Amino acid sequence: MVKIIIDRKLCKECGICIELCPRKLITSDSLGKAIDVTEKCKKCRICEYHCPDFAITIA
């Protein structure tokens, strides 16, 4: 199973990962921090490659 690991300490709520996810699997919490829904992730790594704060790792 693919796992999207988001370091919430590094996340600065830019929303780039949310906008770029082709399957719309990443959402945000009430503070704007990214949270994931990994069941349907196809490991395209778009979110990981475009995160300006290096807060996302795909495992």
PDB file of N, CA and C in Angstrom:
ATOM      1  N   MET A   1       0.843  -1.199   0.000  1.00  0.00           N
ATOM      2  CA  MET A   1       0.000   0.000   0.000  1.00  0.00           C
ATOM      3  C   MET A   1       0.876   1.246   0.000  1.00  0.00           C
ATOM      4  N   VAL A   2       0.502   2.206  -0.794  1.00  0.00           N
ATOM      5  CA  VAL A   2       1.217   3.477  -0.887  1.00  0.00           C
ATOM      6  C   VAL A   2       0.873   4.331   0.325  1.00  0.00           C
ATOM      7  N   LYS A   3       1.857   5.022   0.844  1.00  0.00           N
ATOM      8  CA  LYS A   3       1.642   5.892   1.991  1.00  0.00           C
ATOM      9  C   LYS A   3       2.149   7.283   1.656  1.00  0.00           C
ATOM     10  N   ILE A   4       1.293   8.270   1.846  1.00  0.00           N
ATOM     11  CA  ILE A   4       1.681   9.675   1.715  1.00  0.00           C
ATOM     12  C   ILE A   4       2.037  10.148   3.117  1.00  0.00           C
ATOM     13  N   ILE A   5       3.291  10.519   3.317  1.00  0.00           N
ATOM     14  CA  ILE A   5       3.742  10.986   4.622  1.00  0.00           C
ATOM     15  C   ILE A   5       3.906  12.503   4.552  1.00  0.00           C
ATOM     16  N   ILE A   6       3.132  13.203   5.367  1.00  0.00           N
ATOM     17  CA  ILE A   6       3.184  14.661   5.397  1.00  0.00           C
ATOM     18  C   ILE A   6       3.732  15.108   6.742  1.00  0.00           C
ATOM     19  N   ASP A   7       4.879  15.789   6.699  1.00  0.00           N
ATOM     20  CA  ASP A   7       5.474  16.322   7.925  1.00  0.00           C
ATOM     21  C   ASP A   7       4.748  17.623   8.252  1.00  0.00           C
ATOM     22  N   ARG A   8       3.858  17.551   9.224  1.00  0.00           N
ATOM     23  CA  ARG A   8       3.011  18.702   9.548  1.00  0.00           C
ATOM     24  C   ARG A   8       3.807  19.865  10.123  1.00  0.00           C
ATOM     25  N   LYS A   9       5.006  19.607  10.618  1.00  0.00           N
ATOM     26  CA  LYS A   9       5.848  20.698  11.112  1.00  0.00           C
ATOM     27  C   LYS A   9       6.446  21.502   9.963  1.00  0.00           C
ATOM     28  N   LEU A  10       6.688  20.839   8.833  1.00  0.00           N
ATOM     29  CA  LEU A  10       7.250  21.514   7.669  1.00  0.00           C
ATOM     30  C   LEU A  10       6.185  22.151   6.774  1.00  0.00           C
ATOM     31  N   CYS A  11       4.968  21.612   6.802  1.00  0.00           N
ATOM     32  CA  CYS A  11       3.882  22.117   5.951  1.00  0.00           C
ATOM     33  C   CYS A  11       3.545  23.555   6.322  1.00  0.00           C
ATOM     34  N   LYS A  12       3.526  24.422   5.294  1.00  0.00           N
ATOM     35  CA  LYS A  12       3.217  25.837   5.515  1.00  0.00           C
ATOM     36  C   LYS A  12       1.883  26.245   4.892  1.00  0.00           C
ATOM     37  N   GLU A  13       1.016  25.261   4.661  1.00  0.00           N
ATOM     38  CA  GLU A  13      -0.344  25.491   4.163  1.00  0.00           C
ATOM     39  C   GLU A  13      -0.417  26.200   2.812  1.00  0.00           C
ATOM     40  N   CYS A  14       0.515  25.931   1.920  1.00  0.00           N
ATOM     41  CA  CYS A  14       0.491  26.611   0.614  1.00  0.00           C
ATOM     42  C   CYS A  14      -0.614  26.071  -0.292  1.00  0.00           C
ATOM     43  N   GLY A  15      -0.987  24.785  -0.114  1.00  0.00           N
ATOM     44  CA  GLY A  15      -2.062  24.196  -0.907  1.00  0.00           C
ATOM     45  C   GLY A  15      -1.646  23.668  -2.264  1.00  0.00           C
ATOM     46  N   ILE A  16      -0.364  23.741  -2.588  1.00  0.00           N
ATOM     47  CA  ILE A  16       0.098  23.262  -3.892  1.00  0.00           C
ATOM     48  C   ILE A  16      -0.211  21.777  -4.063  1.00  0.00           C
ATOM     49  N   CYS A  17       0.038  20.983  -3.037  1.00  0.00           N
ATOM     50  CA  CYS A  17      -0.211  19.537  -3.135  1.00  0.00           C
ATOM     51  C   CYS A  17      -1.689  19.244  -3.360  1.00  0.00           C
ATOM     52  N   ILE A  18      -2.528  20.007  -2.713  1.00  0.00           N
ATOM     53  CA  ILE A  18      -3.975  19.810  -2.843  1.00  0.00           C
ATOM     54  C   ILE A  18      -4.423  20.122  -4.272  1.00  0.00           C
ATOM     55  N   GLU A  19      -3.916  21.204  -4.818  1.00  0.00           N
ATOM     56  CA  GLU A  19      -4.293  21.607  -6.172  1.00  0.00           C
ATOM     57  C   GLU A  19      -3.732  20.681  -7.246  1.00  0.00           C
ATOM     58  N   LEU A  20      -2.517  20.173  -7.046  1.00  0.00           N
ATOM     59  CA  LEU A  20      -1.859  19.394  -8.088  1.00  0.00           C
ATOM     60  C   LEU A  20      -2.187  17.908  -8.083  1.00  0.00           C
ATOM     61  N   CYS A  21      -2.719  17.386  -6.991  1.00  0.00           N
ATOM     62  CA  CYS A  21      -3.022  15.955  -6.939  1.00  0.00           C
ATOM     63  C   CYS A  21      -4.061  15.613  -8.006  1.00  0.00           C
ATOM     64  N   PRO A  22      -3.694  14.784  -9.000  1.00  0.00           N
ATOM     65  CA  PRO A  22      -4.633  14.489 -10.089  1.00  0.00           C
ATOM     66  C   PRO A  22      -5.854  13.702  -9.642  1.00  0.00           C
ATOM     67  N   ARG A  23      -5.758  13.014  -8.513  1.00  0.00           N
ATOM     68  CA  ARG A  23      -6.879  12.230  -8.006  1.00  0.00           C
ATOM     69  C   ARG A  23      -7.596  12.926  -6.856  1.00  0.00           C
ATOM     70  N   LYS A  24      -7.127  14.131  -6.489  1.00  0.00           N
ATOM     71  CA  LYS A  24      -7.722  14.935  -5.404  1.00  0.00           C
ATOM     72  C   LYS A  24      -7.777  14.144  -4.098  1.00  0.00           C
ATOM     73  N   LEU A  25      -6.658  13.503  -3.747  1.00  0.00           N
ATOM     74  CA  LEU A  25      -6.596  12.671  -2.555  1.00  0.00           C
ATOM     75  C   LEU A  25      -6.080  13.412  -1.328  1.00  0.00           C
ATOM     76  N   ILE A  26      -5.509  14.581  -1.524  1.00  0.00           N
ATOM     77  CA  ILE A  26      -4.973  15.335  -0.397  1.00  0.00           C
ATOM     78  C   ILE A  26      -5.950  16.469  -0.079  1.00  0.00           C
ATOM     79  N   THR A  27      -6.266  16.588   1.188  1.00  0.00           N
ATOM     80  CA  THR A  27      -7.149  17.655   1.648  1.00  0.00           C
ATOM     81  C   THR A  27      -6.438  18.410   2.764  1.00  0.00           C
ATOM     82  N   SER A  28      -7.124  19.362   3.365  1.00  0.00           N
ATOM     83  CA  SER A  28      -6.512  20.110   4.465  1.00  0.00           C
ATOM     84  C   SER A  28      -7.404  20.062   5.699  1.00  0.00           C
ATOM     85  N   ASP A  29      -6.759  20.278   6.836  1.00  0.00           N
ATOM     86  CA  ASP A  29      -7.509  20.324   8.084  1.00  0.00           C
ATOM     87  C   ASP A  29      -8.004  21.746   8.329  1.00  0.00           C
ATOM     88  N   SER A  30      -8.583  21.996   9.467  1.00  0.00           N
ATOM     89  CA  SER A  30      -9.138  23.318   9.760  1.00  0.00           C
ATOM     90  C   SER A  30      -8.081  24.410   9.848  1.00  0.00           C
ATOM     91  N   LEU A  31      -6.823  24.018  10.029  1.00  0.00           N
ATOM     92  CA  LEU A  31      -5.732  24.997  10.082  1.00  0.00           C
ATOM     93  C   LEU A  31      -5.082  25.217   8.720  1.00  0.00           C
ATOM     94  N   GLY A  32      -5.509  24.454   7.726  1.00  0.00           N
ATOM     95  CA  GLY A  32      -4.948  24.574   6.393  1.00  0.00           C
ATOM     96  C   GLY A  32      -3.791  23.636   6.131  1.00  0.00           C
ATOM     97  N   LYS A  33      -3.426  22.822   7.109  1.00  0.00           N
ATOM     98  CA  LYS A  33      -2.336  21.858   6.940  1.00  0.00           C
ATOM     99  C   LYS A  33      -2.833  20.675   6.115  1.00  0.00           C
ATOM    100  N   ALA A  34      -1.982  20.162   5.254  1.00  0.00           N
ATOM    101  CA  ALA A  34      -2.345  19.049   4.388  1.00  0.00           C
ATOM    102  C   ALA A  34      -2.549  17.772   5.191  1.00  0.00           C
ATOM    103  N   ILE A  35      -3.592  17.036   4.816  1.00  0.00           N
ATOM    104  CA  ILE A  35      -3.818  15.690   5.349  1.00  0.00           C
ATOM    105  C   ILE A  35      -4.092  14.796   4.152  1.00  0.00           C
ATOM    106  N   ASP A  36      -3.863  13.515   4.299  1.00  0.00           N
ATOM    107  CA  ASP A  36      -3.957  12.646   3.134  1.00  0.00           C
ATOM    108  C   ASP A  36      -5.055  11.597   3.236  1.00  0.00           C
ATOM    109  N   VAL A  37      -5.438  11.136   2.061  1.00  0.00           N
ATOM    110  CA  VAL A  37      -6.346  10.000   1.903  1.00  0.00           C
ATOM    111  C   VAL A  37      -5.625   9.091   0.915  1.00  0.00           C
ATOM    112  N   THR A  38      -4.956   8.051   1.413  1.00  0.00           N
ATOM    113  CA  THR A  38      -4.018   7.304   0.582  1.00  0.00           C
ATOM    114  C   THR A  38      -4.576   6.081  -0.126  1.00  0.00           C
ATOM    115  N   GLU A  39      -5.807   5.707   0.110  1.00  0.00           N
ATOM    116  CA  GLU A  39      -6.326   4.463  -0.448  1.00  0.00           C
ATOM    117  C   GLU A  39      -6.207   4.372  -1.968  1.00  0.00           C
ATOM    118  N   LYS A  40      -6.336   5.486  -2.665  1.00  0.00           N
ATOM    119  CA  LYS A  40      -6.351   5.463  -4.125  1.00  0.00           C
ATOM    120  C   LYS A  40      -5.115   6.092  -4.758  1.00  0.00           C
ATOM    121  N   CYS A  41      -4.091   6.377  -3.963  1.00  0.00           N
ATOM    122  CA  CYS A  41      -2.865   6.989  -4.465  1.00  0.00           C
ATOM    123  C   CYS A  41      -2.177   6.052  -5.451  1.00  0.00           C
ATOM    124  N   LYS A  42      -1.776   6.578  -6.605  1.00  0.00           N
ATOM    125  CA  LYS A  42      -1.093   5.797  -7.630  1.00  0.00           C
ATOM    126  C   LYS A  42       0.404   6.091  -7.663  1.00  0.00           C
ATOM    127  N   LYS A  43       0.906   6.805  -6.658  1.00  0.00           N
ATOM    128  CA  LYS A  43       2.328   7.078  -6.492  1.00  0.00           C
ATOM    129  C   LYS A  43       2.910   7.877  -7.661  1.00  0.00           C
ATOM    130  N   CYS A  44       2.180   8.872  -8.135  1.00  0.00           N
ATOM    131  CA  CYS A  44       2.687   9.705  -9.221  1.00  0.00           C
ATOM    132  C   CYS A  44       3.763  10.678  -8.731  1.00  0.00           C
ATOM    133  N   ARG A  45       3.762  10.960  -7.427  1.00  0.00           N
ATOM    134  CA  ARG A  45       4.755  11.814  -6.754  1.00  0.00           C
ATOM    135  C   ARG A  45       4.674  13.293  -7.135  1.00  0.00           C
ATOM    136  N   ILE A  46       3.617  13.707  -7.789  1.00  0.00           N
ATOM    137  CA  ILE A  46       3.478  15.125  -8.137  1.00  0.00           C
ATOM    138  C   ILE A  46       3.495  15.988  -6.886  1.00  0.00           C
ATOM    139  N   CYS A  47       2.791  15.565  -5.852  1.00  0.00           N
ATOM    140  CA  CYS A  47       2.753  16.339  -4.606  1.00  0.00           C
ATOM    141  C   CYS A  47       4.145  16.422  -3.976  1.00  0.00           C
ATOM    142  N   GLU A  48       4.847  15.307  -3.975  1.00  0.00           N
ATOM    143  CA  GLU A  48       6.187  15.252  -3.378  1.00  0.00           C
ATOM    144  C   GLU A  48       7.165  16.142  -4.149  1.00  0.00           C
ATOM    145  N   TYR A  49       7.142  16.071  -5.474  1.00  0.00           N
ATOM    146  CA  TYR A  49       8.077  16.839  -6.298  1.00  0.00           C
ATOM    147  C   TYR A  49       7.825  18.346  -6.237  1.00  0.00           C
ATOM    148  N   HIS A  50       6.582  18.750  -6.032  1.00  0.00           N
ATOM    149  CA  HIS A  50       6.245  20.175  -6.077  1.00  0.00           C
ATOM    150  C   HIS A  50       6.128  20.853  -4.711  1.00  0.00           C
ATOM    151  N   CYS A  51       6.266  20.106  -3.637  1.00  0.00           N
ATOM    152  CA  CYS A  51       6.174  20.717  -2.307  1.00  0.00           C
ATOM    153  C   CYS A  51       7.402  21.593  -2.073  1.00  0.00           C
ATOM    154  N   PRO A  52       7.207  22.915  -1.926  1.00  0.00           N
ATOM    155  CA  PRO A  52       8.353  23.818  -1.757  1.00  0.00           C
ATOM    156  C   PRO A  52       9.030  23.678  -0.405  1.00  0.00           C
ATOM    157  N   ASP A  53       8.372  23.024   0.547  1.00  0.00           N
ATOM    158  CA  ASP A  53       8.919  22.885   1.894  1.00  0.00           C
ATOM    159  C   ASP A  53       9.422  21.472   2.195  1.00  0.00           C
ATOM    160  N   PHE A  54       9.416  20.588   1.176  1.00  0.00           N
ATOM    161  CA  PHE A  54       9.862  19.206   1.324  1.00  0.00           C
ATOM    162  C   PHE A  54       9.138  18.499   2.470  1.00  0.00           C
ATOM    163  N   ALA A  55       7.854  18.777   2.592  1.00  0.00           N
ATOM    164  CA  ALA A  55       7.047  18.227   3.680  1.00  0.00           C
ATOM    165  C   ALA A  55       6.381  16.898   3.318  1.00  0.00           C
ATOM    166  N   ILE A  56       6.477  16.490   2.062  1.00  0.00           N
ATOM    167  CA  ILE A  56       5.769  15.278   1.604  1.00  0.00           C
ATOM    168  C   ILE A  56       6.753  14.228   1.126  1.00  0.00           C
ATOM    169  N   THR A  57       6.525  13.004   1.578  1.00  0.00           N
ATOM    170  CA  THR A  57       7.304  11.849   1.133  1.00  0.00           C
ATOM    171  C   THR A  57       6.316  10.754   0.756  1.00  0.00           C
ATOM    172  N   ILE A  58       6.558  10.104  -0.377  1.00  0.00           N
ATOM    173  CA  ILE A  58       5.732   8.983  -0.797  1.00  0.00           C
ATOM    174  C   ILE A  58       6.502   7.707  -0.484  1.00  0.00           C
ATOM    175  N   ALA A  59       5.888   6.825   0.270  1.00  0.00           N
ATOM    176  CA  ALA A  59       6.558   5.572   0.662  1.00  0.00           C
ATOM    177  C   ALA A  59       5.780   4.384   0.125  1.00  0.00           C
TER     178      ALA A  59
END
